[in-house]
Amino acid sequence: MIVNIVQYESGSTHLCYWRYFFVKNRVYRQKLKPGGLLGLGLGNSIQKHFYLPEPQTDFIFSIISEEFGFMGVLIVSTLFITIIISGFKISMNCEDKFGKYLAFGITFGLAFQTLLNLMVVTGLIPVTGVTLPFLSYGGSSLLISLISMGVLLNISKQT
């Protein structure tokens, strides 16, 4: 764990874990601001060059907010909310108990992963390394998300 060493005027020093955490989160939280209403345009992001630790995986949502602005954030959020609400409707309409619990588990896992990533990007919690489903770079995360959606679609077809 990286810590900040604070030196006081009296000459004494001590390790400050929380100060490092809040300074880093303040830097990450500022990365959602520069996009504006319509953004800077596709590929015109400035912060992905040495400002964010993992812009293609953990912080892809901040890159989306800079390149596509508030409208891009609104579209991505609406799509995730639509997928999650549809998954819970599939779970409630399923007559088989196993299918009902499986659909609920898949949807809850997707919703939790999405919410966790968005909380990291906005600076509410420390960086956890959880990817944003369907958007972050990473083959295994994308593969598991797509397989989960395939199972969820199969459950919806069976009802």
N, C-alpha and C. Protein backbone atom coordinates (compact mmCIF):
# COMPACT_ATOMS: atom_id res chain seq x y z
N MET A 1 0.84 -1.18 0.00
CA MET A 1 0.00 0.00 0.00
C MET A 1 0.88 1.24 0.00
N ILE A 2 0.55 2.18 -0.83
CA ILE A 2 1.31 3.42 -0.90
C ILE A 2 0.75 4.38 0.13
N VAL A 3 1.63 5.02 0.88
CA VAL A 3 1.19 5.95 1.91
C VAL A 3 1.88 7.28 1.72
N ASN A 4 1.36 8.27 2.37
CA ASN A 4 1.95 9.60 2.37
C ASN A 4 2.69 9.79 3.68
N ILE A 5 3.89 10.28 3.64
CA ILE A 5 4.62 10.59 4.86
C ILE A 5 4.47 12.07 5.11
N VAL A 6 3.84 12.40 6.23
CA VAL A 6 3.57 13.79 6.57
C VAL A 6 4.62 14.26 7.56
N GLN A 7 5.27 15.36 7.25
CA GLN A 7 6.27 15.92 8.15
C GLN A 7 5.73 17.23 8.71
N TYR A 8 5.71 17.30 10.04
CA TYR A 8 5.22 18.49 10.71
C TYR A 8 6.35 19.48 10.92
N GLU A 9 6.00 20.73 11.29
CA GLU A 9 7.00 21.76 11.52
C GLU A 9 7.92 21.43 12.69
N SER A 10 7.43 20.62 13.62
CA SER A 10 8.25 20.25 14.77
C SER A 10 9.32 19.23 14.40
N GLY A 11 9.24 18.69 13.20
CA GLY A 11 10.24 17.73 12.75
C GLY A 11 9.76 16.30 12.81
N SER A 12 8.64 16.04 13.49
CA SER A 12 8.15 14.67 13.58
C SER A 12 7.41 14.28 12.30
N THR A 13 7.45 13.02 12.00
CA THR A 13 6.77 12.51 10.81
C THR A 13 5.84 11.38 11.20
N HIS A 14 4.83 11.15 10.41
CA HIS A 14 4.00 9.97 10.59
C HIS A 14 3.37 9.60 9.24
N LEU A 15 2.96 8.35 9.14
CA LEU A 15 2.36 7.84 7.92
C LEU A 15 0.88 8.20 7.89
N CYS A 16 0.42 8.69 6.79
CA CYS A 16 -0.98 9.10 6.67
C CYS A 16 -1.62 8.32 5.52
N TYR A 17 -2.38 7.30 5.88
CA TYR A 17 -3.05 6.49 4.88
C TYR A 17 -4.24 7.24 4.28
N TRP A 18 -5.05 7.88 5.10
CA TRP A 18 -6.28 8.51 4.64
C TRP A 18 -6.03 9.72 3.77
N ARG A 19 -4.96 10.45 4.07
CA ARG A 19 -4.66 11.63 3.26
C ARG A 19 -4.36 11.21 1.83
N TYR A 20 -3.60 10.14 1.66
CA TYR A 20 -3.30 9.64 0.33
C TYR A 20 -4.57 9.21 -0.39
N PHE A 21 -5.46 8.51 0.33
CA PHE A 21 -6.71 8.04 -0.25
C PHE A 21 -7.57 9.21 -0.74
N PHE A 22 -7.73 10.24 0.08
CA PHE A 22 -8.58 11.36 -0.31
C PHE A 22 -7.97 12.20 -1.42
N VAL A 23 -6.66 12.37 -1.43
CA VAL A 23 -6.02 13.13 -2.50
C VAL A 23 -6.18 12.40 -3.82
N LYS A 24 -5.96 11.09 -3.83
CA LYS A 24 -6.11 10.31 -5.05
C LYS A 24 -7.56 10.33 -5.54
N ASN A 25 -8.52 10.17 -4.62
CA ASN A 25 -9.92 10.17 -5.04
C ASN A 25 -10.34 11.53 -5.56
N ARG A 26 -9.79 12.61 -5.02
CA ARG A 26 -10.12 13.93 -5.53
C ARG A 26 -9.62 14.08 -6.96
N VAL A 27 -8.46 13.51 -7.25
CA VAL A 27 -7.92 13.56 -8.62
C VAL A 27 -8.81 12.76 -9.56
N TYR A 28 -9.25 11.55 -9.14
CA TYR A 28 -10.09 10.73 -9.99
C TYR A 28 -11.46 11.36 -10.19
N ARG A 29 -12.01 11.97 -9.14
CA ARG A 29 -13.33 12.57 -9.23
C ARG A 29 -13.35 13.74 -10.19
N GLN A 30 -12.25 14.45 -10.32
CA GLN A 30 -12.19 15.58 -11.24
C GLN A 30 -12.19 15.12 -12.69
N LYS A 31 -11.97 13.86 -12.94
CA LYS A 31 -11.90 13.36 -14.31
C LYS A 31 -13.26 13.22 -14.96
N LEU A 32 -14.34 13.36 -14.22
CA LEU A 32 -15.66 13.30 -14.83
C LEU A 32 -16.13 14.66 -15.33
N LYS A 33 -15.45 15.73 -14.97
CA LYS A 33 -15.93 17.07 -15.27
C LYS A 33 -15.68 17.58 -16.69
N PRO A 34 -14.55 17.32 -17.34
CA PRO A 34 -14.21 18.11 -18.52
C PRO A 34 -15.01 17.85 -19.78
N GLY A 35 -15.94 16.89 -19.80
CA GLY A 35 -16.65 16.56 -21.03
C GLY A 35 -17.67 17.57 -21.49
N GLY A 36 -18.35 18.22 -20.59
CA GLY A 36 -19.40 19.16 -20.99
C GLY A 36 -20.66 18.43 -21.41
N LEU A 37 -21.46 19.09 -22.22
CA LEU A 37 -22.73 18.50 -22.64
C LEU A 37 -22.55 17.47 -23.75
N LEU A 38 -21.78 17.79 -24.77
CA LEU A 38 -21.60 16.87 -25.90
C LEU A 38 -20.22 16.27 -25.99
N GLY A 39 -19.29 16.66 -25.14
CA GLY A 39 -17.97 16.06 -25.10
C GLY A 39 -16.99 16.66 -26.07
N LEU A 40 -15.78 16.12 -26.04
CA LEU A 40 -14.70 16.61 -26.89
C LEU A 40 -14.64 15.90 -28.24
N GLY A 41 -15.35 14.82 -28.39
CA GLY A 41 -15.32 14.05 -29.63
C GLY A 41 -14.60 12.74 -29.46
N LEU A 42 -14.91 11.79 -30.31
CA LEU A 42 -14.34 10.46 -30.23
C LEU A 42 -12.83 10.51 -30.46
N GLY A 43 -12.07 10.00 -29.51
CA GLY A 43 -10.62 9.96 -29.61
C GLY A 43 -9.90 11.21 -29.18
N ASN A 44 -10.62 12.23 -28.74
CA ASN A 44 -10.01 13.49 -28.35
C ASN A 44 -9.82 13.63 -26.85
N SER A 45 -9.84 12.55 -26.12
CA SER A 45 -9.67 12.61 -24.67
C SER A 45 -8.24 12.97 -24.32
N ILE A 46 -8.09 13.86 -23.36
CA ILE A 46 -6.77 14.29 -22.91
C ILE A 46 -6.33 13.49 -21.70
N GLN A 47 -7.27 13.14 -20.82
CA GLN A 47 -6.91 12.53 -19.55
C GLN A 47 -6.44 11.09 -19.67
N LYS A 48 -6.65 10.44 -20.79
CA LYS A 48 -6.17 9.06 -20.91
C LYS A 48 -4.66 8.99 -21.13
N HIS A 49 -4.03 10.14 -21.38
CA HIS A 49 -2.59 10.18 -21.54
C HIS A 49 -1.95 10.59 -20.22
N PHE A 50 -1.60 9.62 -19.38
CA PHE A 50 -0.84 9.79 -18.14
C PHE A 50 -1.62 10.43 -17.01
N TYR A 51 -2.94 10.62 -17.11
CA TYR A 51 -3.71 11.18 -16.00
C TYR A 51 -4.48 10.13 -15.22
N LEU A 52 -4.85 9.06 -15.86
CA LEU A 52 -5.59 8.00 -15.21
C LEU A 52 -4.76 6.72 -15.19
N PRO A 53 -4.86 5.93 -14.11
CA PRO A 53 -4.01 4.73 -14.01
C PRO A 53 -4.34 3.66 -15.04
N GLU A 54 -5.59 3.35 -15.27
CA GLU A 54 -6.00 2.33 -16.24
C GLU A 54 -7.20 2.85 -17.02
N PRO A 55 -6.98 3.72 -18.02
CA PRO A 55 -8.12 4.33 -18.70
C PRO A 55 -8.95 3.35 -19.53
N GLN A 56 -8.36 2.26 -20.00
CA GLN A 56 -9.10 1.35 -20.86
C GLN A 56 -9.87 0.29 -20.07
N THR A 57 -9.58 0.15 -18.78
CA THR A 57 -10.28 -0.88 -18.00
C THR A 57 -11.11 -0.26 -16.88
N ASP A 58 -10.46 0.15 -15.81
CA ASP A 58 -11.19 0.61 -14.63
C ASP A 58 -11.86 1.96 -14.85
N PHE A 59 -11.28 2.84 -15.63
CA PHE A 59 -11.77 4.20 -15.76
C PHE A 59 -12.31 4.50 -17.16
N ILE A 60 -12.91 3.51 -17.79
CA ILE A 60 -13.46 3.72 -19.13
C ILE A 60 -14.66 4.67 -19.08
N PHE A 61 -15.37 4.68 -17.98
CA PHE A 61 -16.54 5.56 -17.88
C PHE A 61 -16.13 7.03 -17.84
N SER A 62 -14.99 7.34 -17.24
CA SER A 62 -14.52 8.73 -17.24
C SER A 62 -14.06 9.15 -18.64
N ILE A 63 -13.51 8.23 -19.40
CA ILE A 63 -13.14 8.53 -20.79
C ILE A 63 -14.39 8.75 -21.63
N ILE A 64 -15.42 7.95 -21.40
CA ILE A 64 -16.70 8.14 -22.10
C ILE A 64 -17.28 9.50 -21.77
N SER A 65 -17.20 9.88 -20.49
CA SER A 65 -17.77 11.18 -20.10
C SER A 65 -17.00 12.33 -20.70
N GLU A 66 -15.71 12.17 -20.93
CA GLU A 66 -14.94 13.25 -21.53
C GLU A 66 -15.16 13.31 -23.04
N GLU A 67 -15.18 12.17 -23.69
CA GLU A 67 -15.29 12.16 -25.15
C GLU A 67 -16.72 12.40 -25.64
N PHE A 68 -17.71 11.88 -24.92
CA PHE A 68 -19.09 11.99 -25.36
C PHE A 68 -19.94 12.91 -24.49
N GLY A 69 -19.39 13.41 -23.40
CA GLY A 69 -20.08 14.37 -22.56
C GLY A 69 -21.22 13.77 -21.77
N PHE A 70 -22.08 14.66 -21.31
CA PHE A 70 -23.21 14.25 -20.49
C PHE A 70 -24.17 13.36 -21.27
N MET A 71 -24.32 13.61 -22.54
CA MET A 71 -25.22 12.80 -23.36
C MET A 71 -24.72 11.35 -23.45
N GLY A 72 -23.43 11.15 -23.59
CA GLY A 72 -22.87 9.80 -23.62
C GLY A 72 -23.05 9.08 -22.29
N VAL A 73 -22.85 9.81 -21.19
CA VAL A 73 -23.05 9.23 -19.87
C VAL A 73 -24.52 8.85 -19.69
N LEU A 74 -25.41 9.69 -20.14
CA LEU A 74 -26.84 9.43 -20.03
C LEU A 74 -27.24 8.20 -20.85
N ILE A 75 -26.70 8.08 -22.05
CA ILE A 75 -27.02 6.93 -22.92
C ILE A 75 -26.50 5.63 -22.31
N VAL A 76 -25.24 5.63 -21.85
CA VAL A 76 -24.65 4.42 -21.27
C VAL A 76 -25.40 4.02 -20.00
N SER A 77 -25.71 4.99 -19.16
CA SER A 77 -26.45 4.69 -17.92
C SER A 77 -27.84 4.16 -18.22
N THR A 78 -28.51 4.72 -19.21
CA THR A 78 -29.85 4.26 -19.58
C THR A 78 -29.80 2.83 -20.11
N LEU A 79 -28.78 2.51 -20.90
CA LEU A 79 -28.66 1.15 -21.41
C LEU A 79 -28.43 0.14 -20.29
N PHE A 80 -27.57 0.49 -19.32
CA PHE A 80 -27.34 -0.42 -18.20
C PHE A 80 -28.60 -0.58 -17.35
N ILE A 81 -29.32 0.51 -17.10
CA ILE A 81 -30.56 0.42 -16.33
C ILE A 81 -31.60 -0.43 -17.06
N THR A 82 -31.67 -0.30 -18.38
CA THR A 82 -32.60 -1.10 -19.17
C THR A 82 -32.26 -2.59 -19.08
N ILE A 83 -30.98 -2.92 -19.19
CA ILE A 83 -30.57 -4.32 -19.08
C ILE A 83 -30.89 -4.88 -17.71
N ILE A 84 -30.64 -4.10 -16.66
CA ILE A 84 -30.87 -4.58 -15.30
C ILE A 84 -32.37 -4.75 -15.02
N ILE A 85 -33.18 -3.79 -15.43
CA ILE A 85 -34.62 -3.90 -15.21
C ILE A 85 -35.19 -5.08 -16.01
N SER A 86 -34.72 -5.27 -17.23
CA SER A 86 -35.19 -6.41 -18.04
C SER A 86 -34.79 -7.73 -17.39
N GLY A 87 -33.59 -7.79 -16.84
CA GLY A 87 -33.15 -9.02 -16.16
C GLY A 87 -33.99 -9.35 -14.95
N PHE A 88 -34.34 -8.32 -14.17
CA PHE A 88 -35.20 -8.57 -13.01
C PHE A 88 -36.62 -8.95 -13.44
N LYS A 89 -37.11 -8.41 -14.54
CA LYS A 89 -38.43 -8.81 -15.05
C LYS A 89 -38.41 -10.26 -15.53
N ILE A 90 -37.32 -10.66 -16.17
CA ILE A 90 -37.17 -12.06 -16.59
C ILE A 90 -37.18 -12.96 -15.37
N SER A 91 -36.49 -12.54 -14.33
CA SER A 91 -36.45 -13.32 -13.09
C SER A 91 -37.83 -13.46 -12.45
N MET A 92 -38.60 -12.39 -12.45
CA MET A 92 -39.93 -12.45 -11.82
C MET A 92 -40.93 -13.25 -12.66
N ASN A 93 -40.77 -13.25 -13.97
CA ASN A 93 -41.72 -13.96 -14.83
C ASN A 93 -41.40 -15.43 -15.03
N CYS A 94 -40.24 -15.87 -14.58
CA CYS A 94 -39.85 -17.27 -14.76
C CYS A 94 -40.64 -18.16 -13.81
N GLU A 95 -41.15 -19.29 -14.34
CA GLU A 95 -41.94 -20.20 -13.52
C GLU A 95 -41.09 -21.24 -12.81
N ASP A 96 -39.96 -21.58 -13.38
CA ASP A 96 -39.04 -22.54 -12.78
C ASP A 96 -38.22 -21.87 -11.68
N LYS A 97 -38.15 -22.51 -10.52
CA LYS A 97 -37.42 -21.88 -9.41
C LYS A 97 -35.93 -21.73 -9.71
N PHE A 98 -35.33 -22.74 -10.31
CA PHE A 98 -33.91 -22.65 -10.64
C PHE A 98 -33.65 -21.52 -11.63
N GLY A 99 -34.47 -21.42 -12.65
CA GLY A 99 -34.33 -20.35 -13.62
C GLY A 99 -34.55 -18.98 -12.99
N LYS A 100 -35.50 -18.89 -12.07
CA LYS A 100 -35.78 -17.64 -11.39
C LYS A 100 -34.56 -17.19 -10.58
N TYR A 101 -34.00 -18.11 -9.80
CA TYR A 101 -32.85 -17.77 -8.97
C TYR A 101 -31.60 -17.50 -9.82
N LEU A 102 -31.44 -18.25 -10.89
CA LEU A 102 -30.30 -18.05 -11.77
C LEU A 102 -30.38 -16.69 -12.47
N ALA A 103 -31.56 -16.34 -12.97
CA ALA A 103 -31.73 -15.04 -13.62
C ALA A 103 -31.51 -13.90 -12.64
N PHE A 104 -32.02 -14.06 -11.42
CA PHE A 104 -31.81 -13.03 -10.40
C PHE A 104 -30.33 -12.89 -10.06
N GLY A 105 -29.64 -14.01 -9.93
CA GLY A 105 -28.21 -13.97 -9.60
C GLY A 105 -27.38 -13.32 -10.70
N ILE A 106 -27.67 -13.66 -11.94
CA ILE A 106 -26.93 -13.07 -13.06
C ILE A 106 -27.19 -11.57 -13.13
N THR A 107 -28.43 -11.18 -12.98
CA THR A 107 -28.78 -9.76 -13.05
C THR A 107 -28.20 -8.99 -11.88
N PHE A 108 -28.27 -9.57 -10.69
CA PHE A 108 -27.71 -8.91 -9.52
C PHE A 108 -26.19 -8.77 -9.65
N GLY A 109 -25.53 -9.80 -10.15
CA GLY A 109 -24.08 -9.71 -10.35
C GLY A 109 -23.69 -8.63 -11.35
N LEU A 110 -24.44 -8.53 -12.42
CA LEU A 110 -24.19 -7.49 -13.41
C LEU A 110 -24.44 -6.10 -12.83
N ALA A 111 -25.54 -5.96 -12.08
CA ALA A 111 -25.87 -4.66 -11.47
C ALA A 111 -24.83 -4.27 -10.44
N PHE A 112 -24.38 -5.23 -9.63
CA PHE A 112 -23.39 -4.95 -8.60
C PHE A 112 -22.05 -4.55 -9.22
N GLN A 113 -21.64 -5.26 -10.26
CA GLN A 113 -20.38 -4.94 -10.93
C GLN A 113 -20.44 -3.55 -11.57
N THR A 114 -21.56 -3.22 -12.19
CA THR A 114 -21.72 -1.90 -12.79
C THR A 114 -21.69 -0.81 -11.73
N LEU A 115 -22.45 -1.01 -10.67
CA LEU A 115 -22.51 -0.01 -9.60
C LEU A 115 -21.15 0.17 -8.93
N LEU A 116 -20.44 -0.93 -8.72
CA LEU A 116 -19.12 -0.85 -8.10
C LEU A 116 -18.14 -0.06 -8.97
N ASN A 117 -18.15 -0.30 -10.27
CA ASN A 117 -17.26 0.44 -11.16
C ASN A 117 -17.62 1.92 -11.19
N LEU A 118 -18.90 2.24 -11.23
CA LEU A 118 -19.30 3.64 -11.27
C LEU A 118 -18.97 4.36 -9.97
N MET A 119 -19.03 3.65 -8.84
CA MET A 119 -18.64 4.26 -7.58
C MET A 119 -17.13 4.51 -7.52
N VAL A 120 -16.34 3.64 -8.14
CA VAL A 120 -14.89 3.86 -8.21
C VAL A 120 -14.58 5.08 -9.06
N VAL A 121 -15.23 5.19 -10.20
CA VAL A 121 -14.97 6.30 -11.12
C VAL A 121 -15.37 7.64 -10.51
N THR A 122 -16.48 7.65 -9.77
CA THR A 122 -16.90 8.91 -9.16
C THR A 122 -16.16 9.21 -7.87
N GLY A 123 -15.34 8.29 -7.38
CA GLY A 123 -14.53 8.55 -6.20
C GLY A 123 -15.20 8.24 -4.88
N LEU A 124 -16.29 7.48 -4.90
CA LEU A 124 -16.98 7.14 -3.66
C LEU A 124 -16.26 6.05 -2.87
N ILE A 125 -15.59 5.15 -3.57
CA ILE A 125 -14.83 4.08 -2.92
C ILE A 125 -13.45 4.01 -3.57
N PRO A 126 -12.49 3.37 -2.92
CA PRO A 126 -11.16 3.26 -3.52
C PRO A 126 -11.16 2.38 -4.76
N VAL A 127 -10.12 2.45 -5.53
CA VAL A 127 -10.01 1.68 -6.77
C VAL A 127 -9.97 0.19 -6.44
N THR A 128 -10.89 -0.56 -7.04
CA THR A 128 -11.02 -1.98 -6.74
C THR A 128 -10.56 -2.88 -7.88
N GLY A 129 -10.50 -2.38 -9.08
CA GLY A 129 -10.09 -3.20 -10.21
C GLY A 129 -11.24 -3.92 -10.89
N VAL A 130 -12.46 -3.55 -10.59
CA VAL A 130 -13.63 -4.17 -11.21
C VAL A 130 -13.93 -3.44 -12.51
N THR A 131 -14.12 -4.21 -13.57
CA THR A 131 -14.35 -3.61 -14.89
C THR A 131 -15.81 -3.26 -15.07
N LEU A 132 -16.07 -2.37 -16.03
CA LEU A 132 -17.44 -2.03 -16.40
C LEU A 132 -17.90 -3.05 -17.43
N PRO A 133 -19.00 -3.78 -17.14
CA PRO A 133 -19.41 -4.85 -18.05
C PRO A 133 -19.68 -4.35 -19.47
N PHE A 134 -19.25 -5.12 -20.44
CA PHE A 134 -19.44 -4.90 -21.88
C PHE A 134 -18.61 -3.75 -22.45
N LEU A 135 -18.01 -2.90 -21.65
CA LEU A 135 -17.30 -1.74 -22.17
C LEU A 135 -15.80 -1.75 -21.88
N SER A 136 -15.39 -2.30 -20.76
CA SER A 136 -13.99 -2.27 -20.40
C SER A 136 -13.19 -3.26 -21.22
N TYR A 137 -11.91 -2.92 -21.40
CA TYR A 137 -11.00 -3.80 -22.12
C TYR A 137 -10.68 -4.99 -21.22
N GLY A 138 -10.71 -6.16 -21.78
CA GLY A 138 -10.39 -7.37 -21.03
C GLY A 138 -11.21 -8.51 -21.58
N GLY A 139 -10.54 -9.54 -22.04
CA GLY A 139 -11.23 -10.63 -22.69
C GLY A 139 -12.05 -11.49 -21.75
N SER A 140 -11.52 -11.81 -20.57
CA SER A 140 -12.24 -12.71 -19.68
C SER A 140 -13.49 -12.05 -19.11
N SER A 141 -13.42 -10.78 -18.77
CA SER A 141 -14.60 -10.08 -18.24
C SER A 141 -15.69 -9.98 -19.31
N LEU A 142 -15.31 -9.64 -20.51
CA LEU A 142 -16.28 -9.55 -21.60
C LEU A 142 -16.88 -10.91 -21.92
N LEU A 143 -16.06 -11.95 -21.91
CA LEU A 143 -16.55 -13.30 -22.21
C LEU A 143 -17.56 -13.75 -21.16
N ILE A 144 -17.28 -13.54 -19.89
CA ILE A 144 -18.20 -13.94 -18.83
C ILE A 144 -19.49 -13.13 -18.90
N SER A 145 -19.38 -11.83 -19.19
CA SER A 145 -20.58 -10.99 -19.30
C SER A 145 -21.46 -11.46 -20.45
N LEU A 146 -20.86 -11.78 -21.59
CA LEU A 146 -21.65 -12.22 -22.74
C LEU A 146 -22.27 -13.60 -22.52
N ILE A 147 -21.54 -14.51 -21.87
CA ILE A 147 -22.10 -15.82 -21.55
C ILE A 147 -23.27 -15.66 -20.59
N SER A 148 -23.11 -14.78 -19.61
CA SER A 148 -24.20 -14.54 -18.65
C SER A 148 -25.44 -13.99 -19.34
N MET A 149 -25.24 -13.08 -20.27
CA MET A 149 -26.39 -12.54 -21.00
C MET A 149 -27.02 -13.61 -21.89
N GLY A 150 -26.22 -14.50 -22.44
CA GLY A 150 -26.77 -15.60 -23.24
C GLY A 150 -27.62 -16.53 -22.39
N VAL A 151 -27.18 -16.84 -21.18
CA VAL A 151 -27.96 -17.67 -20.27
C VAL A 151 -29.25 -16.96 -19.89
N LEU A 152 -29.16 -15.66 -19.63
CA LEU A 152 -30.35 -14.87 -19.27
C LEU A 152 -31.35 -14.83 -20.42
N LEU A 153 -30.87 -14.70 -21.64
CA LEU A 153 -31.77 -14.71 -22.80
C LEU A 153 -32.40 -16.09 -23.01
N ASN A 154 -31.65 -17.15 -22.71
CA ASN A 154 -32.20 -18.49 -22.81
C ASN A 154 -33.29 -18.71 -21.76
N ILE A 155 -33.08 -18.17 -20.56
CA ILE A 155 -34.12 -18.28 -19.52
C ILE A 155 -35.37 -17.53 -19.95
N SER A 156 -35.19 -16.36 -20.57
CA SER A 156 -36.37 -15.58 -21.00
C SER A 156 -37.11 -16.29 -22.14
N LYS A 157 -36.39 -17.03 -22.95
CA LYS A 157 -37.03 -17.76 -24.05
C LYS A 157 -37.83 -18.96 -23.54
N GLN A 158 -37.38 -19.56 -22.44
CA GLN A 158 -38.03 -20.73 -21.88
C GLN A 158 -39.35 -20.40 -21.18
N THR A 159 -39.54 -19.14 -20.77
CA THR A 159 -40.76 -18.79 -20.02
C THR A 159 -41.91 -18.48 -20.94
